[in-house]
Protein backbone atom coordinates (compact mmCIF):
# COMPACT_ATOMS: atom_id res chain seq x y z
CA MET A 1 0.00 0.00 0.00
CA SER A 2 1.53 3.28 -1.17
CA GLY A 3 -1.25 5.78 -0.49
CA ARG A 4 -1.70 6.61 -4.18
CA MET A 5 -5.37 7.48 -3.59
CA SER A 6 -4.97 9.24 -0.27
CA GLY A 7 -7.54 11.99 0.18
CA LYS A 8 -9.48 11.09 -2.96
CA GLY A 9 -13.19 10.29 -3.17
CA VAL A 10 -14.35 7.57 -5.56
CA VAL A 11 -17.68 5.94 -6.43
CA VAL A 12 -17.55 2.27 -7.43
CA THR A 13 -20.69 0.62 -8.80
CA GLY A 14 -21.32 -3.09 -8.67
CA ALA A 15 -19.17 -2.98 -5.55
CA THR A 16 -20.49 -5.95 -3.60
CA LYS A 17 -19.08 -8.78 -5.71
CA GLY A 18 -16.21 -9.75 -7.98
CA LEU A 19 -14.23 -6.97 -9.62
CA GLY A 20 -16.19 -4.16 -7.96
CA ARG A 21 -15.54 -5.53 -4.49
CA ASP A 22 -11.83 -6.02 -5.08
CA THR A 23 -11.58 -2.55 -6.60
CA ALA A 24 -13.30 -0.88 -3.66
CA LEU A 25 -11.02 -2.63 -1.18
CA LEU A 26 -7.90 -1.90 -3.20
CA LEU A 27 -8.75 1.80 -3.44
CA ALA A 28 -9.49 2.00 0.29
CA GLY A 29 -6.18 0.27 0.91
CA GLU A 30 -4.54 3.08 -1.05
CA GLY A 31 -6.22 5.70 1.13
CA ALA A 32 -9.37 6.54 -0.85
CA THR A 33 -12.80 7.21 0.56
CA VAL A 34 -15.02 4.93 -1.49
CA VAL A 35 -18.77 4.94 -1.86
CA GLY A 36 -19.60 1.44 -3.04
CA VAL A 37 -22.94 1.00 -4.77
CA GLY A 38 -24.79 -2.29 -5.10
CA ARG A 39 -28.16 -3.97 -4.81
CA ASP A 40 -27.37 -6.46 -2.02
CA ALA A 41 -27.43 -4.82 1.41
CA GLY A 42 -25.95 -7.86 3.15
CA ASP A 43 -22.95 -8.04 0.86
CA GLY A 44 -22.61 -4.27 1.14
CA ALA A 45 -22.40 -4.42 4.92
CA SER A 46 -19.79 -7.16 4.63
CA LEU A 47 -17.76 -5.02 2.23
CA ALA A 48 -17.78 -2.00 4.53
CA SER A 49 -16.79 -4.18 7.47
CA GLU A 50 -13.90 -5.77 5.59
CA ALA A 51 -12.55 -2.32 4.75
CA GLY A 52 -12.56 -1.34 8.43
CA GLY A 53 -8.85 -1.76 9.02
CA LEU A 54 -7.67 -0.07 5.83
CA PRO A 55 -6.13 3.42 5.52
CA GLY A 56 -9.17 4.64 3.62
CA ARG A 57 -12.79 3.61 4.02
CA VAL A 58 -15.70 2.10 2.13
CA GLU A 59 -19.23 3.30 2.73
CA PHE A 60 -21.92 1.16 1.14
CA LEU A 61 -24.96 2.71 -0.51
CA ARG A 62 -27.75 0.47 -1.74
CA GLY A 63 -28.68 1.46 -5.26
CA ASP A 64 -29.36 0.44 -8.83
CA VAL A 65 -27.46 2.04 -11.72
CA ARG A 66 -30.63 1.97 -13.82
CA ASP A 67 -32.11 4.56 -11.46
CA GLU A 68 -30.76 8.05 -12.08
CA GLY A 69 -31.73 9.13 -8.58
CA ASP A 70 -29.64 6.33 -7.06
CA VAL A 71 -26.61 7.25 -9.17
CA GLN A 72 -26.93 10.92 -8.27
CA ALA A 73 -27.28 10.00 -4.59
CA ALA A 74 -24.03 8.03 -4.71
CA VAL A 75 -22.14 10.95 -6.23
CA THR A 76 -23.64 13.35 -3.70
CA ARG A 77 -22.75 11.04 -0.81
CA CYS A 78 -19.17 10.75 -2.01
CA ARG A 79 -18.83 14.52 -2.06
CA GLU A 80 -20.29 14.69 1.45
CA VAL A 81 -17.96 12.13 3.01
CA ALA A 82 -14.80 12.78 0.97
CA GLY A 83 -15.21 16.47 0.21
CA ARG A 84 -15.19 15.90 -3.55
CA LEU A 85 -15.53 13.31 -6.30
CA ASP A 86 -12.19 12.44 -7.84
CA GLY A 87 -13.05 9.16 -9.52
CA MET A 88 -15.92 7.12 -10.89
CA VAL A 89 -15.67 3.39 -11.61
CA ALA A 90 -18.67 2.42 -13.75
CA ASN A 91 -18.43 -1.30 -13.14
CA ALA A 92 -21.95 -2.68 -12.62
CA GLY A 93 -22.97 -5.11 -15.32
CA ILE A 94 -24.63 -8.40 -16.20
CA LEU A 95 -23.99 -11.04 -18.85
CA GLY A 96 -27.55 -11.08 -20.08
CA PRO A 97 -29.19 -13.68 -22.31
CA GLU A 98 -27.19 -16.42 -23.97
CA GLY A 99 -28.42 -17.69 -27.31
CA PRO A 100 -29.05 -16.57 -30.89
CA LEU A 101 -30.01 -12.94 -31.38
CA HIS A 102 -33.26 -13.89 -33.12
CA GLU A 103 -34.34 -15.71 -29.96
CA THR A 104 -33.55 -12.76 -27.68
CA THR A 105 -36.67 -11.08 -26.34
CA GLU A 106 -37.11 -7.34 -26.19
CA ALA A 107 -37.27 -7.53 -22.38
CA GLN A 108 -33.94 -9.40 -22.25
CA TRP A 109 -32.33 -6.89 -24.59
CA ASP A 110 -33.65 -3.97 -22.56
CA GLU A 111 -32.40 -5.39 -19.25
CA VAL A 112 -28.80 -5.87 -20.34
CA ASN A 113 -28.74 -2.49 -22.09
CA ASP A 114 -30.28 -0.71 -19.12
CA ILE A 115 -27.71 -2.07 -16.69
CA ASN A 116 -24.58 -2.21 -18.82
CA LEU A 117 -24.91 0.81 -21.10
CA LYS A 118 -27.56 3.10 -19.63
CA GLY A 119 -26.04 2.50 -16.20
CA ALA A 120 -22.60 3.52 -17.47
CA PHE A 121 -24.12 6.62 -19.11
CA LEU A 122 -25.78 7.71 -15.87
CA CYS A 123 -22.61 7.14 -13.84
CA CYS A 124 -20.53 9.13 -16.31
CA LYS A 125 -23.11 11.90 -16.59
CA HIS A 126 -23.30 12.56 -12.88
CA ALA A 127 -19.57 12.19 -12.40
CA ILE A 128 -19.00 14.82 -15.08
CA LEU A 129 -21.56 17.18 -13.53
CA ALA A 130 -19.89 16.90 -10.12
CA MET A 131 -16.35 17.20 -11.44
CA ARG A 132 -17.19 20.31 -13.46
CA GLU A 133 -18.99 21.87 -10.50
CA GLN A 134 -15.86 21.32 -8.41
CA GLY A 135 -13.80 23.24 -10.94
CA GLY A 136 -12.74 20.35 -13.14
CA GLY A 137 -10.40 17.42 -12.86
CA GLY A 138 -11.11 13.79 -12.17
CA SER A 139 -10.87 10.33 -13.68
CA ILE A 140 -13.67 8.14 -15.02
CA VAL A 141 -12.97 4.45 -15.53
CA THR A 142 -15.57 2.37 -17.33
CA ILE A 143 -15.48 -1.41 -17.47
CA GLY A 144 -15.82 -2.86 -20.92
CA SER A 145 -14.71 -6.33 -21.94
CA ILE A 146 -12.55 -8.10 -24.48
CA LEU A 147 -15.92 -8.22 -26.25
CA SER A 148 -15.70 -4.46 -26.68
CA LEU A 149 -13.28 -5.39 -29.48
CA THR A 150 -14.21 -8.94 -30.47
CA ALA A 151 -17.22 -11.26 -30.39
CA ASP A 152 -18.13 -14.64 -28.91
CA PRO A 153 -20.98 -16.83 -30.12
CA PHE A 154 -24.45 -16.22 -28.75
CA ILE A 155 -23.93 -13.28 -26.39
CA SER A 156 -24.76 -10.53 -28.84
CA SER A 157 -26.58 -8.21 -26.44
CA TYR A 158 -23.69 -8.23 -23.96
CA THR A 159 -21.22 -7.65 -26.80
CA ALA A 160 -23.26 -4.72 -28.09
CA THR A 161 -23.37 -3.04 -24.69
CA LYS A 162 -19.66 -3.46 -24.02
CA THR A 163 -18.81 -2.05 -27.45
CA GLY A 164 -21.06 0.88 -26.61
CA VAL A 165 -19.32 1.44 -23.27
CA LEU A 166 -15.97 1.77 -25.03
CA GLY A 167 -17.37 4.26 -27.54
CA LEU A 168 -19.00 6.28 -24.78
CA THR A 169 -15.70 6.45 -22.91
CA LYS A 170 -13.78 7.77 -25.91
CA ALA A 171 -16.42 10.43 -26.56
CA ILE A 172 -16.27 11.62 -22.94
CA ALA A 173 -12.47 11.84 -23.05
CA VAL A 174 -12.64 14.11 -26.10
CA ASP A 175 -15.58 16.23 -25.00
CA TYR A 176 -14.41 16.92 -21.43
CA ALA A 177 -10.64 17.12 -21.80
CA LYS A 178 -10.90 20.89 -21.45
CA ASP A 179 -12.38 20.32 -17.99
CA GLY A 180 -9.40 18.22 -16.94
CA ILE A 181 -11.56 15.08 -16.87
CA ARG A 182 -9.96 11.87 -18.09
CA ALA A 183 -11.92 8.82 -19.22
CA ASN A 184 -10.56 5.35 -19.96
CA CYS A 185 -12.02 1.88 -20.40
CA VAL A 186 -10.62 -1.31 -18.88
CA LEU A 187 -11.24 -4.41 -20.98
CA PRO A 188 -10.91 -7.56 -18.88
CA GLY A 189 -10.97 -11.10 -20.07
CA ASP A 190 -12.68 -13.77 -18.01
CA MET A 191 -12.21 -13.42 -14.26
CA GLU A 192 -12.77 -15.61 -11.22
CA THR A 193 -16.03 -13.91 -10.27
CA PRO A 194 -19.54 -15.05 -9.30
CA MET A 195 -20.64 -14.27 -12.88
CA ILE A 196 -18.22 -16.75 -14.44
CA ARG A 197 -18.87 -19.37 -11.77
CA SER A 198 -22.57 -19.08 -12.50
CA TYR A 199 -21.83 -19.55 -16.19
CA PHE A 200 -19.83 -22.71 -15.55
CA ALA A 201 -22.52 -24.06 -13.23
CA GLY A 202 -25.05 -23.77 -16.03
CA GLN A 203 -23.01 -25.89 -18.45
CA PRO A 204 -23.63 -29.65 -18.92
CA ASP A 205 -20.07 -30.37 -17.72
CA PRO A 206 -18.81 -27.44 -15.61
CA VAL A 207 -15.31 -28.92 -15.19
CA ALA A 208 -14.88 -29.42 -18.92
CA ALA A 209 -16.28 -25.96 -19.64
CA ARG A 210 -13.75 -24.36 -17.29
CA ALA A 211 -10.87 -26.37 -18.77
CA GLU A 212 -11.88 -25.36 -22.28
CA MET A 213 -12.05 -21.67 -21.37
CA GLU A 214 -8.76 -21.68 -19.49
CA GLY A 215 -7.14 -23.44 -22.43
CA THR A 216 -7.93 -20.55 -24.75
CA TYR A 217 -5.75 -18.21 -22.68
CA PRO A 218 -2.01 -18.21 -23.47
CA VAL A 219 -1.35 -17.84 -19.73
CA GLY A 220 -3.47 -20.95 -19.07
CA ARG A 221 -5.82 -19.47 -16.47
CA LEU A 222 -8.46 -16.85 -15.79
CA ALA A 223 -7.69 -13.54 -14.11
CA GLU A 224 -8.08 -12.85 -10.43
CA PRO A 225 -10.26 -9.76 -9.95
CA ARG A 226 -7.45 -7.99 -8.07
CA GLU A 227 -5.26 -8.19 -11.18
CA VAL A 228 -7.86 -6.17 -13.08
CA ALA A 229 -8.45 -3.86 -10.12
CA ASN A 230 -4.78 -2.89 -10.27
CA ALA A 231 -5.35 -1.54 -13.78
CA ILE A 232 -8.30 0.50 -12.53
CA LEU A 233 -6.16 1.90 -9.73
CA PHE A 234 -3.52 3.00 -12.23
CA LEU A 235 -6.09 4.85 -14.35
CA LEU A 236 -7.64 6.58 -11.33
CA SER A 237 -4.33 7.62 -9.82
CA ASP A 238 -1.97 10.46 -10.67
CA ASP A 239 0.33 7.88 -12.29
CA SER A 240 -1.79 8.16 -15.45
CA THR A 241 -2.34 11.92 -15.83
CA PHE A 242 -1.70 11.88 -19.60
CA VAL A 243 -3.71 8.73 -20.28
CA SER A 244 -7.20 9.43 -21.60
CA GLY A 245 -9.54 8.23 -24.31
CA THR A 246 -8.06 4.78 -24.57
CA HIS A 247 -8.65 1.22 -23.47
CA LEU A 248 -6.48 -1.07 -21.40
CA LEU A 249 -6.72 -4.79 -22.16
CA VAL A 250 -6.22 -7.04 -19.14
CA ASP A 251 -6.70 -10.39 -20.81
CA GLY A 252 -3.61 -12.58 -20.41
CA ALA A 253 -2.76 -12.14 -24.13
CA LEU A 254 -6.03 -13.72 -25.28
CA THR A 255 -6.85 -11.12 -27.95
CA ALA A 256 -3.22 -11.04 -29.13
CA LYS A 257 -3.52 -14.49 -30.70
CA THR A 258 -5.37 -15.66 -33.78
CA TYR A 259 -6.11 -19.28 -32.87
């Protein structure tokens, strides 16, 4: 722990599980005051408790990124407890329906878009409003996916939203550079999270499904969430002051290979 986020206020969405949880704890370990947003109050209380001995702190706020009022409340709370909003991590997301696009219902499409893309829009919007009101400056980190650049069979709605998140991030970086606001998108590969474990559990042979997925990675394994959280920390910190409008792949060289 080096204190790279000491004195900074950050909102992290999807903070109760997986990457969001590890990111919130990592940032608090680096001295940040974090407002972690999620839908599960029990997991949120556990998160705040786990952060108790760290240099910074995590305050949990129950909310849904599809609700603009909830997003605005999280930004407001961060400014109350930290004095300002220095960073936004728009992390909340779901995998959505698996199957051919022509079998995807409108309700399924709307749900994954509302959480993954509309949620990112609302987080970015209210972060920008707060950062400009403070006089400018700040870092927005969105969470895309390797599927922001590529495609896998039968998860078209997820792929569409993650491509949209990357485009949104680039547009923000260009439009708000004059305000000193940076925006970057982290593109993880598969991680050891509840989402991927749920995916494996739904396969006919979970062990074989995991082995097949791990075998596609040149490094031979999936990422630990903390490995991706380290990339988020870099983009939020003052170590990346000239990095904006780009994406950072954290995928164990998966997208570098052809076969």
